[in-house]
PDB file of all heavy atoms in Angstrom:
ATOM      1  N   HIS A   1       0.838  -1.220   0.014  1.00  0.00           N
ATOM      2  CA  HIS A   1      -0.001  -0.019  -0.008  1.00  0.00           C
ATOM      3  C   HIS A   1       0.791   1.296   0.021  1.00  0.00           C
ATOM      4  O   HIS A   1       0.390   2.409   0.269  1.00  0.00           O
ATOM      5  CB  HIS A   1      -0.979   0.000   1.184  1.00  0.00           C
ATOM      6  CG  HIS A   1      -1.872  -1.173   1.274  1.00  0.00           C
ATOM      7  ND1 HIS A   1      -2.890  -1.393   0.365  1.00  0.00           N
ATOM      8  CD2 HIS A   1      -1.872  -2.215   2.092  1.00  0.00           C
ATOM      9  CE1 HIS A   1      -3.479  -2.515   0.664  1.00  0.00           C
ATOM     10  NE2 HIS A   1      -2.938  -3.052   1.726  1.00  0.00           N
ATOM     11  N   GLN A   2       2.137   1.171  -0.312  1.00  0.00           N
ATOM     12  CA  GLN A   2       3.030   2.348  -0.402  1.00  0.00           C
ATOM     13  C   GLN A   2       3.479   2.528  -1.870  1.00  0.00           C
ATOM     14  O   GLN A   2       3.928   1.545  -2.466  1.00  0.00           O
ATOM     15  CB  GLN A   2       4.180   2.234   0.571  1.00  0.00           C
ATOM     16  CG  GLN A   2       3.692   2.329   2.016  1.00  0.00           C
ATOM     17  CD  GLN A   2       4.868   2.264   2.972  1.00  0.00           C
ATOM     18  OE1 GLN A   2       5.853   1.560   2.805  1.00  0.00           O
ATOM     19  NE2 GLN A   2       4.771   3.037   4.053  1.00  0.00           N
ATOM     20  N   LYS A   3       3.459   3.704  -2.358  1.00  0.00           N
ATOM     21  CA  LYS A   3       3.628   3.920  -3.806  1.00  0.00           C
ATOM     22  C   LYS A   3       5.152   3.885  -4.191  1.00  0.00           C
ATOM     23  O   LYS A   3       6.030   4.295  -3.383  1.00  0.00           O
ATOM     24  CB  LYS A   3       3.035   5.324  -4.117  1.00  0.00           C
ATOM     25  CG  LYS A   3       1.595   5.459  -3.758  1.00  0.00           C
ATOM     26  CD  LYS A   3       1.178   6.977  -3.649  1.00  0.00           C
ATOM     27  CE  LYS A   3      -0.167   7.063  -3.036  1.00  0.00           C
ATOM     28  NZ  LYS A   3      -0.539   8.458  -2.804  1.00  0.00           N
ATOM     29  N   LEU A   4       5.385   3.421  -5.399  1.00  0.00           N
ATOM     30  CA  LEU A   4       6.746   3.378  -5.923  1.00  0.00           C
ATOM     31  C   LEU A   4       6.870   4.175  -7.247  1.00  0.00           C
ATOM     32  O   LEU A   4       7.938   4.734  -7.499  1.00  0.00           O
ATOM     33  CB  LEU A   4       7.203   1.927  -6.207  1.00  0.00           C
ATOM     34  CG  LEU A   4       7.493   1.074  -4.984  1.00  0.00           C
ATOM     35  CD1 LEU A   4       7.829  -0.335  -5.419  1.00  0.00           C
ATOM     36  CD2 LEU A   4       8.596   1.656  -4.186  1.00  0.00           C
ATOM     37  N   VAL A   5       5.852   4.170  -8.060  1.00  0.00           N
ATOM     38  CA  VAL A   5       5.867   4.949  -9.347  1.00  0.00           C
ATOM     39  C   VAL A   5       4.603   5.781  -9.393  1.00  0.00           C
ATOM     40  O   VAL A   5       3.500   5.266  -9.102  1.00  0.00           O
ATOM     41  CB  VAL A   5       5.981   3.995 -10.496  1.00  0.00           C
ATOM     42  CG1 VAL A   5       5.962   4.809 -11.839  1.00  0.00           C
ATOM     43  CG2 VAL A   5       7.201   3.101 -10.441  1.00  0.00           C
ATOM     44  N   GLU A   6       4.753   7.064  -9.752  1.00  0.00           N
ATOM     45  CA  GLU A   6       3.568   7.936  -9.923  1.00  0.00           C
ATOM     46  C   GLU A   6       3.669   8.627 -11.329  1.00  0.00           C
ATOM     47  O   GLU A   6       4.738   8.830 -11.844  1.00  0.00           O
ATOM     48  CB  GLU A   6       3.585   8.992  -8.845  1.00  0.00           C
ATOM     49  CG  GLU A   6       3.424   8.432  -7.443  1.00  0.00           C
ATOM     50  CD  GLU A   6       4.695   8.288  -6.663  1.00  0.00           C
ATOM     51  OE1 GLU A   6       5.776   8.589  -7.209  1.00  0.00           O
ATOM     52  OE2 GLU A   6       4.631   7.964  -5.424  1.00  0.00           O
ATOM     53  N   GLU A   7       2.527   8.952 -11.760  1.00  0.00           N
ATOM     54  CA  GLU A   7       2.389   9.497 -13.172  1.00  0.00           C
ATOM     55  C   GLU A   7       1.284  10.622 -13.213  1.00  0.00           C
ATOM     56  O   GLU A   7       0.234  10.428 -12.618  1.00  0.00           O
ATOM     57  CB  GLU A   7       2.069   8.323 -14.115  1.00  0.00           C
ATOM     58  CG  GLU A   7       1.923   8.730 -15.584  1.00  0.00           C
ATOM     59  CD  GLU A   7       1.742   7.514 -16.468  1.00  0.00           C
ATOM     60  OE1 GLU A   7       1.739   6.386 -15.944  1.00  0.00           O
ATOM     61  OE2 GLU A   7       1.566   7.743 -17.666  1.00  0.00           O
ATOM     62  N   ALA A   8       1.556  11.621 -13.992  1.00  0.00           N
ATOM     63  CA  ALA A   8       0.561  12.644 -14.216  1.00  0.00           C
ATOM     64  C   ALA A   8       0.670  13.031 -15.735  1.00  0.00           C
ATOM     65  O   ALA A   8       1.726  13.145 -16.282  1.00  0.00           O
ATOM     66  CB  ALA A   8       0.829  13.911 -13.362  1.00  0.00           C
ATOM     67  N   PRO A   9      -0.526  13.173 -16.361  1.00  0.00           N
ATOM     68  CA  PRO A   9      -1.803  12.891 -15.797  1.00  0.00           C
ATOM     69  C   PRO A   9      -2.100  11.381 -15.725  1.00  0.00           C
ATOM     70  O   PRO A   9      -1.310  10.616 -16.322  1.00  0.00           O
ATOM     71  CB  PRO A   9      -2.805  13.509 -16.775  1.00  0.00           C
ATOM     72  CG  PRO A   9      -2.052  13.533 -18.058  1.00  0.00           C
ATOM     73  CD  PRO A   9      -0.597  13.704 -17.732  1.00  0.00           C
ATOM     74  N   ALA A  10      -3.124  10.942 -15.031  1.00  0.00           N
ATOM     75  CA  ALA A  10      -3.468   9.514 -14.993  1.00  0.00           C
ATOM     76  C   ALA A  10      -3.741   9.096 -16.394  1.00  0.00           C
ATOM     77  O   ALA A  10      -4.648   9.664 -17.073  1.00  0.00           O
ATOM     78  CB  ALA A  10      -4.689   9.297 -14.109  1.00  0.00           C
ATOM     79  N   PRO A  11      -3.092   8.029 -16.890  1.00  0.00           N
ATOM     80  CA  PRO A  11      -3.189   7.674 -18.322  1.00  0.00           C
ATOM     81  C   PRO A  11      -4.455   6.882 -18.651  1.00  0.00           C
ATOM     82  O   PRO A  11      -5.031   6.230 -17.772  1.00  0.00           O
ATOM     83  CB  PRO A  11      -1.949   6.819 -18.619  1.00  0.00           C
ATOM     84  CG  PRO A  11      -1.727   6.164 -17.253  1.00  0.00           C
ATOM     85  CD  PRO A  11      -2.099   7.209 -16.179  1.00  0.00           C
ATOM     86  N   ALA A  12      -4.781   6.947 -19.909  1.00  0.00           N
ATOM     87  CA  ALA A  12      -5.841   6.033 -20.485  1.00  0.00           C
ATOM     88  C   ALA A  12      -7.223   6.241 -19.863  1.00  0.00           C
ATOM     89  O   ALA A  12      -7.963   5.222 -19.744  1.00  0.00           O
ATOM     90  CB  ALA A  12      -5.415   4.620 -20.487  1.00  0.00           C
ATOM     91  N   LEU A  13      -7.513   7.419 -19.401  1.00  0.00           N
ATOM     92  CA  LEU A  13      -8.861   7.723 -18.866  1.00  0.00           C
ATOM     93  C   LEU A  13      -9.565   8.681 -19.785  1.00  0.00           C
ATOM     94  O   LEU A  13      -8.935   9.716 -20.201  1.00  0.00           O
ATOM     95  CB  LEU A  13      -8.738   8.300 -17.453  1.00  0.00           C
ATOM     96  CG  LEU A  13      -8.218   7.371 -16.337  1.00  0.00           C
ATOM     97  CD1 LEU A  13      -8.216   8.067 -15.010  1.00  0.00           C
ATOM     98  CD2 LEU A  13      -9.061   6.098 -16.290  1.00  0.00           C
ATOM     99  N   PRO A  14     -10.807   8.461 -20.062  1.00  0.00           N
ATOM    100  CA  PRO A  14     -11.534   9.454 -20.924  1.00  0.00           C
ATOM    101  C   PRO A  14     -11.606  10.799 -20.264  1.00  0.00           C
ATOM    102  O   PRO A  14     -11.543  10.929 -19.047  1.00  0.00           O
ATOM    103  CB  PRO A  14     -12.931   8.790 -20.968  1.00  0.00           C
ATOM    104  CG  PRO A  14     -12.765   7.371 -20.658  1.00  0.00           C
ATOM    105  CD  PRO A  14     -11.648   7.322 -19.707  1.00  0.00           C
ATOM    106  N   ALA A  15     -11.689  11.799 -21.103  1.00  0.00           N
ATOM    107  CA  ALA A  15     -11.691  13.189 -20.616  1.00  0.00           C
ATOM    108  C   ALA A  15     -12.831  13.507 -19.642  1.00  0.00           C
ATOM    109  O   ALA A  15     -12.622  14.203 -18.717  1.00  0.00           O
ATOM    110  CB  ALA A  15     -11.730  14.144 -21.798  1.00  0.00           C
ATOM    111  N   ASP A  16     -13.979  12.873 -19.878  1.00  0.00           N
ATOM    112  CA  ASP A  16     -15.105  13.114 -19.041  1.00  0.00           C
ATOM    113  C   ASP A  16     -14.867  12.541 -17.620  1.00  0.00           C
ATOM    114  O   ASP A  16     -15.333  13.064 -16.622  1.00  0.00           O
ATOM    115  CB  ASP A  16     -16.394  12.644 -19.633  1.00  0.00           C
ATOM    116  CG  ASP A  16     -16.433  11.121 -19.859  1.00  0.00           C
ATOM    117  OD1 ASP A  16     -15.360  10.536 -20.176  1.00  0.00           O
ATOM    118  OD2 ASP A  16     -17.517  10.500 -19.781  1.00  0.00           O
ATOM    119  N   VAL A  17     -14.172  11.401 -17.560  1.00  0.00           N
ATOM    120  CA  VAL A  17     -13.881  10.756 -16.275  1.00  0.00           C
ATOM    121  C   VAL A  17     -12.906  11.638 -15.478  1.00  0.00           C
ATOM    122  O   VAL A  17     -13.073  11.870 -14.324  1.00  0.00           O
ATOM    123  CB  VAL A  17     -13.314   9.316 -16.472  1.00  0.00           C
ATOM    124  CG1 VAL A  17     -12.856   8.743 -15.143  1.00  0.00           C
ATOM    125  CG2 VAL A  17     -14.384   8.405 -17.105  1.00  0.00           C
ATOM    126  N   LEU A  18     -11.834  12.124 -16.195  1.00  0.00           N
ATOM    127  CA  LEU A  18     -10.894  13.020 -15.501  1.00  0.00           C
ATOM    128  C   LEU A  18     -11.563  14.296 -15.017  1.00  0.00           C
ATOM    129  O   LEU A  18     -11.273  14.771 -13.874  1.00  0.00           O
ATOM    130  CB  LEU A  18      -9.736  13.361 -16.523  1.00  0.00           C
ATOM    131  CG  LEU A  18      -8.744  12.252 -16.798  1.00  0.00           C
ATOM    132  CD1 LEU A  18      -7.850  12.619 -17.958  1.00  0.00           C
ATOM    133  CD2 LEU A  18      -7.924  11.869 -15.573  1.00  0.00           C
ATOM    134  N   ALA A  19     -12.443  14.818 -15.868  1.00  0.00           N
ATOM    135  CA  ALA A  19     -13.131  16.036 -15.442  1.00  0.00           C
ATOM    136  C   ALA A  19     -14.004  15.798 -14.277  1.00  0.00           C
ATOM    137  O   ALA A  19     -14.123  16.568 -13.323  1.00  0.00           O
ATOM    138  CB  ALA A  19     -13.934  16.567 -16.629  1.00  0.00           C
ATOM    139  N   ASN A  20     -14.723  14.635 -14.242  1.00  0.00           N
ATOM    140  CA  ASN A  20     -15.609  14.285 -13.153  1.00  0.00           C
ATOM    141  C   ASN A  20     -14.829  14.046 -11.821  1.00  0.00           C
ATOM    142  O   ASN A  20     -15.233  14.491 -10.755  1.00  0.00           O
ATOM    143  CB  ASN A  20     -16.414  13.012 -13.532  1.00  0.00           C
ATOM    144  CG  ASN A  20     -17.644  12.878 -12.624  1.00  0.00           C
ATOM    145  OD1 ASN A  20     -18.060  13.782 -11.935  1.00  0.00           O
ATOM    146  ND2 ASN A  20     -18.232  11.674 -12.702  1.00  0.00           N
ATOM    147  N   LEU A  21     -13.657  13.398 -11.931  1.00  0.00           N
ATOM    148  CA  LEU A  21     -12.822  13.160 -10.759  1.00  0.00           C
ATOM    149  C   LEU A  21     -12.412  14.521 -10.162  1.00  0.00           C
ATOM    150  O   LEU A  21     -12.429  14.774  -8.981  1.00  0.00           O
ATOM    151  CB  LEU A  21     -11.565  12.390 -11.148  1.00  0.00           C
ATOM    152  CG  LEU A  21     -11.702  10.869 -11.214  1.00  0.00           C
ATOM    153  CD1 LEU A  21     -10.523  10.326 -12.026  1.00  0.00           C
ATOM    154  CD2 LEU A  21     -11.689  10.272  -9.847  1.00  0.00           C
ATOM    155  N   GLY A  22     -12.008  15.489 -11.051  1.00  0.00           N
ATOM    156  CA  GLY A  22     -11.569  16.827 -10.570  1.00  0.00           C
ATOM    157  C   GLY A  22     -12.681  17.551  -9.910  1.00  0.00           C
ATOM    158  O   GLY A  22     -12.561  18.134  -8.855  1.00  0.00           O
ATOM    159  N   ALA A  23     -13.898  17.490 -10.527  1.00  0.00           N
ATOM    160  CA  ALA A  23     -15.064  18.177 -10.019  1.00  0.00           C
ATOM    161  C   ALA A  23     -15.452  17.592  -8.698  1.00  0.00           C
ATOM    162  O   ALA A  23     -15.853  18.331  -7.716  1.00  0.00           O
ATOM    163  CB  ALA A  23     -16.252  18.074 -11.011  1.00  0.00           C
ATOM    164  N   MET A  24     -15.362  16.267  -8.470  1.00  0.00           N
ATOM    165  CA  MET A  24     -15.748  15.655  -7.227  1.00  0.00           C
ATOM    166  C   MET A  24     -14.798  16.095  -6.145  1.00  0.00           C
ATOM    167  O   MET A  24     -15.163  16.339  -5.004  1.00  0.00           O
ATOM    168  CB  MET A  24     -15.742  14.123  -7.405  1.00  0.00           C
ATOM    169  CG  MET A  24     -16.868  13.538  -8.158  1.00  0.00           C
ATOM    170  SD  MET A  24     -18.442  13.733  -7.280  1.00  0.00           S
ATOM    171  CE  MET A  24     -19.589  13.030  -8.469  1.00  0.00           C
ATOM    172  N   ALA A  25     -13.489  16.136  -6.446  1.00  0.00           N
ATOM    173  CA  ALA A  25     -12.480  16.562  -5.493  1.00  0.00           C
ATOM    174  C   ALA A  25     -12.762  18.021  -5.049  1.00  0.00           C
ATOM    175  O   ALA A  25     -12.668  18.378  -3.873  1.00  0.00           O
ATOM    176  CB  ALA A  25     -11.101  16.376  -6.046  1.00  0.00           C
ATOM    177  N   VAL A  26     -13.012  18.859  -5.981  1.00  0.00           N
ATOM    178  CA  VAL A  26     -13.326  20.261  -5.616  1.00  0.00           C
ATOM    179  C   VAL A  26     -14.552  20.379  -4.790  1.00  0.00           C
ATOM    180  O   VAL A  26     -14.632  21.098  -3.801  1.00  0.00           O
ATOM    181  CB  VAL A  26     -13.491  21.132  -6.913  1.00  0.00           C
ATOM    182  CG1 VAL A  26     -14.042  22.526  -6.633  1.00  0.00           C
ATOM    183  CG2 VAL A  26     -12.145  21.264  -7.657  1.00  0.00           C
ATOM    184  N   ARG A  27     -15.600  19.555  -5.155  1.00  0.00           N
ATOM    185  CA  ARG A  27     -16.859  19.551  -4.368  1.00  0.00           C
ATOM    186  C   ARG A  27     -16.535  19.072  -2.919  1.00  0.00           C
ATOM    187  O   ARG A  27     -17.038  19.648  -1.968  1.00  0.00           O
ATOM    188  CB  ARG A  27     -17.860  18.641  -4.983  1.00  0.00           C
ATOM    189  CG  ARG A  27     -19.193  18.641  -4.297  1.00  0.00           C
ATOM    190  CD  ARG A  27     -20.127  17.546  -4.848  1.00  0.00           C
ATOM    191  NE  ARG A  27     -20.421  17.752  -6.235  1.00  0.00           N
ATOM    192  CZ  ARG A  27     -21.168  16.924  -6.969  1.00  0.00           C
ATOM    193  NH1 ARG A  27     -21.624  15.857  -6.447  1.00  0.00           N
ATOM    194  NH2 ARG A  27     -21.388  17.182  -8.275  1.00  0.00           N
TER     195      ARG A  27
END
């Protein structure tokens, strides 16, 4: 449960999913 590799942006996700994740975090 401890991270070794990190990446930005999260790959292979549709634009609407990324936008929804961001909107949920802001909310």
